[in-house]
Amino acid sequence: MKKANHILTGAFVLVMLAATQAGMAATDAAQMQVSVEVIANCKILVTNLAFGAYDPLLQHSKEPLDGTASMSVLCTKDLRATVLIEDDGSGTRKMKAPGSEVSYAIFSDSARTRPWGTGGNAVQVTGTGSTPREMTVYGRVAASQVVPAGSYTDAVTARVDF
């Protein structure tokens, strides 16, 4: 009888262990939503447009003085943006010194035929998200300006609208 009880006890223990292990192996699962919102963004960098020396009596009495600056625009991938160089809408830019002005213009092309400003005179870019769009800003000081010697300056804002 004792032997039968041991067998029954052993069998019971095995059944209980199997039931416990089966209970431990059970799982439950639920899905978790993961999200992020990528924002539209652009960054713009520009160097100064320094024309150098303007000689109204000799070299620049007949030919303009040209200069360039570099601009770099980086935008979120596939974002369409507009690059502008602000102006006052008059179509004429002026560098100033006390009591005098020197006229100049800014262009988006090397032939200096497309003024770069606001309104319709802008450059369109599409962002890559990784490689900046490199552009050249072309400037020109008109020839034969009768102005006194001195340092003339102006400040313009390059901006990217997106």
N, C-alpha and C. Protein backbone atom coordinates (compact mmCIF):
# COMPACT_ATOMS: atom_id res chain seq x y z
N MET A 1 0.80 -1.16 0.00
CA MET A 1 0.00 0.00 0.00
C MET A 1 0.87 1.25 0.00
N LYS A 2 1.94 1.16 0.79
CA LYS A 2 2.83 2.29 0.83
C LYS A 2 3.44 2.54 -0.52
N LYS A 3 3.74 1.46 -1.20
CA LYS A 3 4.33 1.60 -2.52
C LYS A 3 3.33 2.23 -3.47
N ALA A 4 2.07 1.86 -3.40
CA ALA A 4 1.04 2.44 -4.25
C ALA A 4 0.85 3.90 -3.92
N ASN A 5 0.94 4.27 -2.64
CA ASN A 5 0.82 5.69 -2.25
C ASN A 5 1.97 6.50 -2.81
N HIS A 6 3.16 5.94 -2.77
CA HIS A 6 4.32 6.65 -3.32
C HIS A 6 4.16 6.85 -4.82
N ILE A 7 3.63 5.84 -5.49
CA ILE A 7 3.43 5.95 -6.93
C ILE A 7 2.38 7.03 -7.21
N LEU A 8 1.27 6.99 -6.43
CA LEU A 8 0.23 8.00 -6.61
C LEU A 8 0.75 9.39 -6.27
N THR A 9 1.53 9.51 -5.22
CA THR A 9 2.10 10.80 -4.83
C THR A 9 3.06 11.29 -5.90
N GLY A 10 3.88 10.40 -6.40
CA GLY A 10 4.81 10.77 -7.47
C GLY A 10 4.07 11.20 -8.72
N ALA A 11 3.02 10.51 -9.08
CA ALA A 11 2.23 10.85 -10.26
C ALA A 11 1.56 12.21 -10.06
N PHE A 12 1.05 12.44 -8.85
CA PHE A 12 0.41 13.71 -8.53
C PHE A 12 1.41 14.86 -8.66
N VAL A 13 2.60 14.66 -8.16
CA VAL A 13 3.64 15.69 -8.23
C VAL A 13 3.97 15.97 -9.69
N LEU A 14 4.07 14.94 -10.51
CA LEU A 14 4.37 15.14 -11.93
C LEU A 14 3.25 15.90 -12.63
N VAL A 15 2.00 15.56 -12.30
CA VAL A 15 0.87 16.26 -12.90
C VAL A 15 0.87 17.72 -12.46
N MET A 16 1.15 17.99 -11.20
CA MET A 16 1.18 19.36 -10.69
C MET A 16 2.35 20.15 -11.32
N LEU A 17 3.48 19.52 -11.46
CA LEU A 17 4.62 20.20 -12.10
C LEU A 17 4.28 20.54 -13.55
N ALA A 18 3.68 19.63 -14.26
CA ALA A 18 3.30 19.86 -15.65
C ALA A 18 2.29 21.00 -15.73
N ALA A 19 1.34 21.03 -14.83
CA ALA A 19 0.32 22.09 -14.81
C ALA A 19 0.97 23.44 -14.49
N THR A 20 1.90 23.44 -13.54
CA THR A 20 2.58 24.67 -13.16
C THR A 20 3.43 25.19 -14.31
N GLN A 21 4.16 24.30 -14.96
CA GLN A 21 4.99 24.71 -16.08
C GLN A 21 4.12 25.21 -17.24
N ALA A 22 3.02 24.56 -17.47
CA ALA A 22 2.12 25.00 -18.52
C ALA A 22 1.59 26.39 -18.18
N GLY A 23 1.32 26.67 -16.94
CA GLY A 23 0.86 27.99 -16.51
C GLY A 23 1.95 29.03 -16.66
N MET A 24 3.16 28.66 -16.45
CA MET A 24 4.27 29.59 -16.57
C MET A 24 4.57 29.90 -18.03
N ALA A 25 4.29 29.01 -18.90
CA ALA A 25 4.60 29.20 -20.30
C ALA A 25 3.55 30.05 -21.01
N ALA A 26 2.47 30.34 -20.38
CA ALA A 26 1.43 31.16 -21.00
C ALA A 26 1.92 32.60 -21.14
N THR A 27 1.52 33.28 -22.22
CA THR A 27 1.92 34.68 -22.44
C THR A 27 0.71 35.50 -22.84
N ASP A 28 0.90 36.79 -22.78
CA ASP A 28 -0.10 37.72 -23.26
C ASP A 28 0.67 38.79 -24.03
N ALA A 29 0.08 39.42 -25.02
CA ALA A 29 0.76 40.43 -25.81
C ALA A 29 -0.20 41.57 -26.12
N ALA A 30 0.36 42.74 -26.28
CA ALA A 30 -0.42 43.90 -26.69
C ALA A 30 0.47 44.76 -27.58
N GLN A 31 -0.11 45.41 -28.55
CA GLN A 31 0.66 46.28 -29.43
C GLN A 31 0.79 47.67 -28.82
N MET A 32 1.95 48.25 -29.04
CA MET A 32 2.23 49.60 -28.58
C MET A 32 2.48 50.44 -29.82
N GLN A 33 1.83 51.56 -29.97
CA GLN A 33 2.05 52.46 -31.10
C GLN A 33 3.29 53.30 -30.83
N VAL A 34 4.12 53.44 -31.84
CA VAL A 34 5.34 54.24 -31.77
C VAL A 34 5.23 55.31 -32.84
N SER A 35 5.50 56.56 -32.49
CA SER A 35 5.36 57.62 -33.48
C SER A 35 6.36 58.73 -33.25
N VAL A 36 6.58 59.50 -34.30
CA VAL A 36 7.40 60.70 -34.24
C VAL A 36 6.87 61.65 -35.30
N GLU A 37 6.96 62.92 -35.06
CA GLU A 37 6.58 63.89 -36.07
C GLU A 37 7.84 64.62 -36.51
N VAL A 38 8.19 64.47 -37.78
CA VAL A 38 9.36 65.14 -38.34
C VAL A 38 8.92 66.54 -38.76
N ILE A 39 9.60 67.51 -38.24
CA ILE A 39 9.21 68.89 -38.54
C ILE A 39 9.89 69.39 -39.81
N ALA A 40 9.23 70.27 -40.49
CA ALA A 40 9.81 70.94 -41.65
C ALA A 40 10.79 71.99 -41.14
N ASN A 41 12.01 71.98 -41.68
CA ASN A 41 13.01 72.92 -41.21
C ASN A 41 14.01 73.20 -42.31
N CYS A 42 14.56 74.39 -42.30
CA CYS A 42 15.64 74.78 -43.20
C CYS A 42 16.63 75.64 -42.43
N LYS A 43 17.88 75.54 -42.84
CA LYS A 43 18.95 76.38 -42.28
C LYS A 43 19.65 77.06 -43.45
N ILE A 44 20.02 78.32 -43.26
CA ILE A 44 20.69 79.07 -44.31
C ILE A 44 21.97 79.69 -43.76
N LEU A 45 23.03 79.61 -44.53
CA LEU A 45 24.31 80.24 -44.20
C LEU A 45 24.74 81.05 -45.40
N VAL A 46 25.32 82.22 -45.17
CA VAL A 46 25.76 83.06 -46.28
C VAL A 46 27.05 83.77 -45.87
N THR A 47 27.95 83.94 -46.83
CA THR A 47 29.16 84.72 -46.58
C THR A 47 28.89 86.17 -46.97
N ASN A 48 29.78 87.05 -46.58
CA ASN A 48 29.63 88.46 -46.92
C ASN A 48 29.96 88.71 -48.39
N LEU A 49 29.29 89.67 -48.96
CA LEU A 49 29.56 90.11 -50.33
C LEU A 49 30.43 91.36 -50.23
N ALA A 50 31.74 91.17 -50.40
CA ALA A 50 32.69 92.27 -50.30
C ALA A 50 33.24 92.55 -51.70
N PHE A 51 32.89 93.70 -52.27
CA PHE A 51 33.28 94.00 -53.64
C PHE A 51 34.75 94.36 -53.78
N GLY A 52 35.37 94.88 -52.75
CA GLY A 52 36.76 95.31 -52.86
C GLY A 52 36.82 96.78 -53.26
N ALA A 53 37.87 97.14 -53.99
CA ALA A 53 38.12 98.55 -54.35
C ALA A 53 37.40 98.94 -55.63
N TYR A 54 36.74 100.08 -55.57
CA TYR A 54 36.01 100.65 -56.70
C TYR A 54 36.73 101.92 -57.12
N ASP A 55 37.18 101.98 -58.37
CA ASP A 55 37.88 103.16 -58.88
C ASP A 55 36.99 103.85 -59.91
N PRO A 56 36.27 104.93 -59.49
CA PRO A 56 35.32 105.58 -60.40
C PRO A 56 36.00 106.37 -61.53
N LEU A 57 37.30 106.63 -61.43
CA LEU A 57 37.98 107.44 -62.46
C LEU A 57 38.62 106.59 -63.55
N LEU A 58 39.10 105.42 -63.22
CA LEU A 58 39.78 104.61 -64.23
C LEU A 58 38.97 103.37 -64.57
N GLN A 59 39.31 102.27 -63.95
CA GLN A 59 38.74 100.96 -64.31
C GLN A 59 37.21 100.94 -64.28
N HIS A 60 36.61 101.50 -63.26
CA HIS A 60 35.16 101.40 -63.10
C HIS A 60 34.40 102.61 -63.66
N SER A 61 35.10 103.44 -64.40
CA SER A 61 34.40 104.52 -65.10
C SER A 61 33.62 103.95 -66.28
N LYS A 62 34.05 102.82 -66.80
CA LYS A 62 33.39 102.21 -67.96
C LYS A 62 32.84 100.82 -67.70
N GLU A 63 33.37 100.14 -66.72
CA GLU A 63 32.90 98.77 -66.45
C GLU A 63 32.50 98.61 -64.98
N PRO A 64 31.52 97.77 -64.73
CA PRO A 64 31.06 97.58 -63.34
C PRO A 64 32.08 96.78 -62.53
N LEU A 65 31.89 96.82 -61.24
CA LEU A 65 32.69 96.00 -60.33
C LEU A 65 31.82 94.85 -59.85
N ASP A 66 32.27 93.62 -60.12
CA ASP A 66 31.50 92.44 -59.74
C ASP A 66 32.09 91.78 -58.51
N GLY A 67 31.23 91.10 -57.77
CA GLY A 67 31.65 90.34 -56.60
C GLY A 67 30.69 89.18 -56.39
N THR A 68 31.10 88.26 -55.53
CA THR A 68 30.25 87.10 -55.22
C THR A 68 30.28 86.79 -53.74
N ALA A 69 29.26 86.10 -53.31
CA ALA A 69 29.18 85.54 -51.96
C ALA A 69 28.66 84.11 -52.11
N SER A 70 28.86 83.31 -51.11
CA SER A 70 28.37 81.93 -51.12
C SER A 70 27.19 81.78 -50.19
N MET A 71 26.25 80.95 -50.60
CA MET A 71 25.08 80.68 -49.77
C MET A 71 24.86 79.18 -49.74
N SER A 72 24.48 78.68 -48.58
CA SER A 72 24.22 77.26 -48.39
C SER A 72 22.87 77.11 -47.70
N VAL A 73 22.00 76.27 -48.28
CA VAL A 73 20.67 76.05 -47.72
C VAL A 73 20.46 74.55 -47.54
N LEU A 74 20.13 74.15 -46.33
CA LEU A 74 19.85 72.75 -46.03
C LEU A 74 18.43 72.65 -45.49
N CYS A 75 17.61 71.83 -46.14
CA CYS A 75 16.21 71.67 -45.74
C CYS A 75 15.88 70.20 -45.53
N THR A 76 14.85 69.98 -44.74
CA THR A 76 14.31 68.64 -44.52
C THR A 76 14.04 67.99 -45.88
N LYS A 77 14.27 66.69 -45.96
CA LYS A 77 14.10 65.94 -47.21
C LYS A 77 12.74 66.21 -47.84
N ASP A 78 12.76 66.49 -49.14
CA ASP A 78 11.59 66.74 -49.98
C ASP A 78 10.82 68.02 -49.65
N LEU A 79 11.32 68.82 -48.74
CA LEU A 79 10.66 70.09 -48.41
C LEU A 79 10.98 71.11 -49.49
N ARG A 80 9.96 71.74 -50.02
CA ARG A 80 10.16 72.79 -51.02
C ARG A 80 10.24 74.13 -50.31
N ALA A 81 11.25 74.90 -50.68
CA ALA A 81 11.48 76.18 -50.02
C ALA A 81 11.84 77.24 -51.05
N THR A 82 11.72 78.48 -50.63
CA THR A 82 12.04 79.63 -51.47
C THR A 82 13.15 80.42 -50.79
N VAL A 83 14.22 80.69 -51.53
CA VAL A 83 15.36 81.45 -51.01
C VAL A 83 15.27 82.86 -51.57
N LEU A 84 15.27 83.83 -50.66
CA LEU A 84 15.12 85.24 -51.04
C LEU A 84 16.26 86.06 -50.45
N ILE A 85 16.55 87.15 -51.09
CA ILE A 85 17.42 88.16 -50.50
C ILE A 85 16.56 89.41 -50.43
N GLU A 86 16.23 89.79 -49.22
CA GLU A 86 15.26 90.87 -49.02
C GLU A 86 15.72 92.18 -49.65
N ASP A 87 14.74 92.93 -50.13
CA ASP A 87 15.00 94.27 -50.65
C ASP A 87 13.83 95.16 -50.24
N ASP A 88 13.94 96.42 -50.56
CA ASP A 88 12.87 97.36 -50.17
C ASP A 88 11.79 97.49 -51.24
N GLY A 89 11.91 96.72 -52.31
CA GLY A 89 10.91 96.76 -53.37
C GLY A 89 11.16 97.82 -54.42
N SER A 90 12.14 98.67 -54.23
CA SER A 90 12.40 99.74 -55.19
C SER A 90 13.20 99.25 -56.39
N GLY A 91 13.86 98.11 -56.25
CA GLY A 91 14.69 97.60 -57.33
C GLY A 91 16.10 98.15 -57.32
N THR A 92 16.38 99.10 -56.43
CA THR A 92 17.71 99.69 -56.33
C THR A 92 18.26 99.49 -54.93
N ARG A 93 19.43 98.93 -54.88
CA ARG A 93 20.11 98.75 -53.58
C ARG A 93 21.19 99.83 -53.46
N LYS A 94 21.41 100.27 -52.23
CA LYS A 94 22.40 101.33 -52.00
C LYS A 94 23.29 100.97 -50.81
N MET A 95 24.60 101.10 -51.04
CA MET A 95 25.54 101.07 -49.92
C MET A 95 25.74 102.52 -49.53
N LYS A 96 25.81 102.78 -48.23
CA LYS A 96 25.85 104.16 -47.78
C LYS A 96 27.12 104.48 -47.00
N ALA A 97 27.52 105.72 -47.16
CA ALA A 97 28.56 106.34 -46.36
C ALA A 97 27.97 107.68 -45.94
N PRO A 98 28.52 108.34 -44.95
CA PRO A 98 27.95 109.63 -44.55
C PRO A 98 27.85 110.58 -45.75
N GLY A 99 26.61 110.95 -46.10
CA GLY A 99 26.38 111.92 -47.15
C GLY A 99 26.43 111.39 -48.58
N SER A 100 26.58 110.10 -48.79
CA SER A 100 26.68 109.59 -50.15
C SER A 100 26.21 108.14 -50.24
N GLU A 101 25.94 107.69 -51.46
CA GLU A 101 25.47 106.32 -51.70
C GLU A 101 26.12 105.76 -52.97
N VAL A 102 26.34 104.45 -52.96
CA VAL A 102 26.81 103.73 -54.14
C VAL A 102 25.75 102.69 -54.47
N SER A 103 25.28 102.69 -55.71
CA SER A 103 24.25 101.73 -56.14
C SER A 103 24.89 100.39 -56.48
N TYR A 104 24.15 99.34 -56.18
CA TYR A 104 24.59 97.99 -56.53
C TYR A 104 23.36 97.11 -56.71
N ALA A 105 23.58 95.92 -57.21
CA ALA A 105 22.49 94.97 -57.40
C ALA A 105 22.97 93.57 -57.05
N ILE A 106 22.02 92.71 -56.73
CA ILE A 106 22.30 91.31 -56.41
C ILE A 106 21.51 90.44 -57.38
N PHE A 107 22.18 89.41 -57.91
CA PHE A 107 21.59 88.54 -58.92
C PHE A 107 21.73 87.07 -58.53
N SER A 108 20.86 86.25 -59.13
CA SER A 108 20.92 84.81 -58.88
C SER A 108 21.65 84.05 -59.99
N ASP A 109 22.09 84.75 -61.05
CA ASP A 109 22.78 84.09 -62.16
C ASP A 109 24.10 84.79 -62.46
N SER A 110 25.03 84.03 -63.00
CA SER A 110 26.37 84.57 -63.26
C SER A 110 26.38 85.64 -64.36
N ALA A 111 25.38 85.62 -65.25
CA ALA A 111 25.29 86.66 -66.28
C ALA A 111 24.76 87.97 -65.70
N ARG A 112 24.30 87.89 -64.46
CA ARG A 112 23.76 89.05 -63.75
C ARG A 112 22.59 89.68 -64.50
N THR A 113 21.65 88.81 -64.88
CA THR A 113 20.44 89.28 -65.57
C THR A 113 19.18 89.06 -64.74
N ARG A 114 19.24 88.18 -63.73
CA ARG A 114 18.06 87.90 -62.89
C ARG A 114 18.28 88.48 -61.49
N PRO A 115 17.70 89.65 -61.22
CA PRO A 115 17.84 90.22 -59.87
C PRO A 115 17.30 89.26 -58.82
N TRP A 116 18.00 89.21 -57.69
CA TRP A 116 17.58 88.32 -56.61
C TRP A 116 17.01 89.18 -55.51
N GLY A 117 15.74 89.01 -55.25
CA GLY A 117 15.09 89.81 -54.22
C GLY A 117 13.90 89.09 -53.67
N THR A 118 12.86 89.82 -53.41
CA THR A 118 11.62 89.23 -52.90
C THR A 118 10.61 89.19 -54.03
N GLY A 119 9.44 88.70 -53.74
CA GLY A 119 8.43 88.60 -54.79
C GLY A 119 8.78 87.49 -55.76
N GLY A 120 8.72 87.80 -57.06
CA GLY A 120 9.00 86.80 -58.08
C GLY A 120 10.47 86.51 -58.29
N ASN A 121 11.33 87.29 -57.67
CA ASN A 121 12.77 87.12 -57.87
C ASN A 121 13.38 86.30 -56.75
N ALA A 122 13.05 85.03 -56.75
CA ALA A 122 13.53 84.14 -55.70
C ALA A 122 14.04 82.85 -56.34
N VAL A 123 14.71 82.04 -55.56
CA VAL A 123 15.23 80.76 -56.03
C VAL A 123 14.50 79.65 -55.27
N GLN A 124 14.01 78.67 -56.00
CA GLN A 124 13.30 77.54 -55.40
C GLN A 124 14.28 76.40 -55.15
N VAL A 125 14.16 75.74 -53.99
CA VAL A 125 14.98 74.58 -53.66
C VAL A 125 14.09 73.47 -53.11
N THR A 126 14.56 72.25 -53.26
CA THR A 126 13.90 71.10 -52.64
C THR A 126 14.93 70.43 -51.75
N GLY A 127 14.58 70.23 -50.49
CA GLY A 127 15.51 69.70 -49.52
C GLY A 127 15.89 68.24 -49.76
N THR A 128 17.14 67.94 -49.44
CA THR A 128 17.63 66.56 -49.50
C THR A 128 17.70 65.95 -48.10
N GLY A 129 17.74 66.80 -47.10
CA GLY A 129 17.85 66.32 -45.73
C GLY A 129 19.28 66.03 -45.30
N SER A 130 20.20 65.98 -46.27
CA SER A 130 21.58 65.64 -45.92
C SER A 130 22.63 66.49 -46.63
N THR A 131 22.36 66.93 -47.82
CA THR A 131 23.34 67.69 -48.59
C THR A 131 22.82 69.10 -48.81
N PRO A 132 23.56 70.11 -48.33
CA PRO A 132 23.11 71.49 -48.54
C PRO A 132 23.11 71.85 -50.02
N ARG A 133 22.20 72.71 -50.39
CA ARG A 133 22.18 73.27 -51.75
C ARG A 133 23.11 74.47 -51.72
N GLU A 134 24.17 74.39 -52.50
CA GLU A 134 25.16 75.46 -52.55
C GLU A 134 24.79 76.41 -53.69
N MET A 135 24.78 77.70 -53.41
CA MET A 135 24.44 78.71 -54.40
C MET A 135 25.45 79.84 -54.34
N THR A 136 25.56 80.54 -55.44
CA THR A 136 26.41 81.73 -55.49
C THR A 136 25.51 82.96 -55.60
N VAL A 137 25.82 83.96 -54.82
CA VAL A 137 25.15 85.25 -54.89
C VAL A 137 26.06 86.15 -55.72
N TYR A 138 25.53 86.68 -56.80
CA TYR A 138 26.31 87.52 -57.70
C TYR A 138 25.94 88.98 -57.47
N GLY A 139 26.96 89.79 -57.24
CA GLY A 139 26.73 91.21 -57.01
C GLY A 139 27.40 92.06 -58.07
N ARG A 140 26.86 93.26 -58.27
CA ARG A 140 27.46 94.18 -59.24
C ARG A 140 27.27 95.62 -58.77
N VAL A 141 28.39 96.36 -58.75
CA VAL A 141 28.36 97.80 -58.51
C VAL A 141 28.39 98.44 -59.89
N ALA A 142 27.41 99.27 -60.16
CA ALA A 142 27.30 99.90 -61.48
C ALA A 142 28.51 100.77 -61.79
N ALA A 143 28.86 100.83 -63.07
CA ALA A 143 29.99 101.66 -63.52
C ALA A 143 29.64 103.15 -63.46
N SER A 144 30.67 103.96 -63.51
CA SER A 144 30.61 105.43 -63.65
C SER A 144 29.78 106.13 -62.59
N GLN A 145 29.90 105.71 -61.35
CA GLN A 145 29.22 106.43 -60.27
C GLN A 145 30.15 107.52 -59.75
N VAL A 146 29.65 108.70 -59.67
CA VAL A 146 30.44 109.84 -59.19
C VAL A 146 30.16 110.00 -57.71
N VAL A 147 31.08 109.48 -56.90
CA VAL A 147 30.90 109.47 -55.45
C VAL A 147 32.23 109.77 -54.77
N PRO A 148 32.18 110.33 -53.56
CA PRO A 148 33.43 110.59 -52.83
C PRO A 148 34.06 109.30 -52.31
N ALA A 149 35.34 109.36 -52.06
CA ALA A 149 36.07 108.22 -51.49
C ALA A 149 35.52 107.93 -50.09
N GLY A 150 35.58 106.69 -49.70
CA GLY A 150 35.11 106.30 -48.38
C GLY A 150 34.68 104.85 -48.36
N SER A 151 34.26 104.42 -47.19
CA SER A 151 33.76 103.05 -47.03
C SER A 151 32.24 103.07 -47.04
N TYR A 152 31.67 102.30 -47.93
CA TYR A 152 30.23 102.23 -48.11
C TYR A 152 29.75 100.85 -47.69
N THR A 153 28.64 100.80 -46.97
CA THR A 153 28.13 99.52 -46.50
C THR A 153 26.61 99.46 -46.60
N ASP A 154 26.12 98.26 -46.61
CA ASP A 154 24.70 98.00 -46.55
C ASP A 154 24.56 96.63 -45.88
N ALA A 155 23.42 96.34 -45.36
CA ALA A 155 23.14 95.03 -44.78
C ALA A 155 21.84 94.51 -45.40
N VAL A 156 21.89 93.32 -45.93
CA VAL A 156 20.70 92.69 -46.49
C VAL A 156 20.49 91.35 -45.80
N THR A 157 19.28 90.89 -45.83
CA THR A 157 18.93 89.64 -45.16
C THR A 157 18.62 88.57 -46.21
N ALA A 158 19.36 87.48 -46.13
CA ALA A 158 19.05 86.30 -46.96
C ALA A 158 18.15 85.42 -46.09
N ARG A 159 17.06 84.94 -46.69
CA ARG A 159 16.14 84.13 -45.90
C ARG A 159 15.61 82.98 -46.73
N VAL A 160 15.16 81.95 -46.04
CA VAL A 160 14.55 80.81 -46.69
C VAL A 160 13.15 80.65 -46.10
N ASP A 161 12.15 80.66 -46.98
CA ASP A 161 10.75 80.49 -46.58
C ASP A 161 10.35 79.05 -46.89
N PHE A 162 9.74 78.40 -45.92
CA PHE A 162 9.31 77.01 -46.12
C PHE A 162 8.01 76.75 -45.41
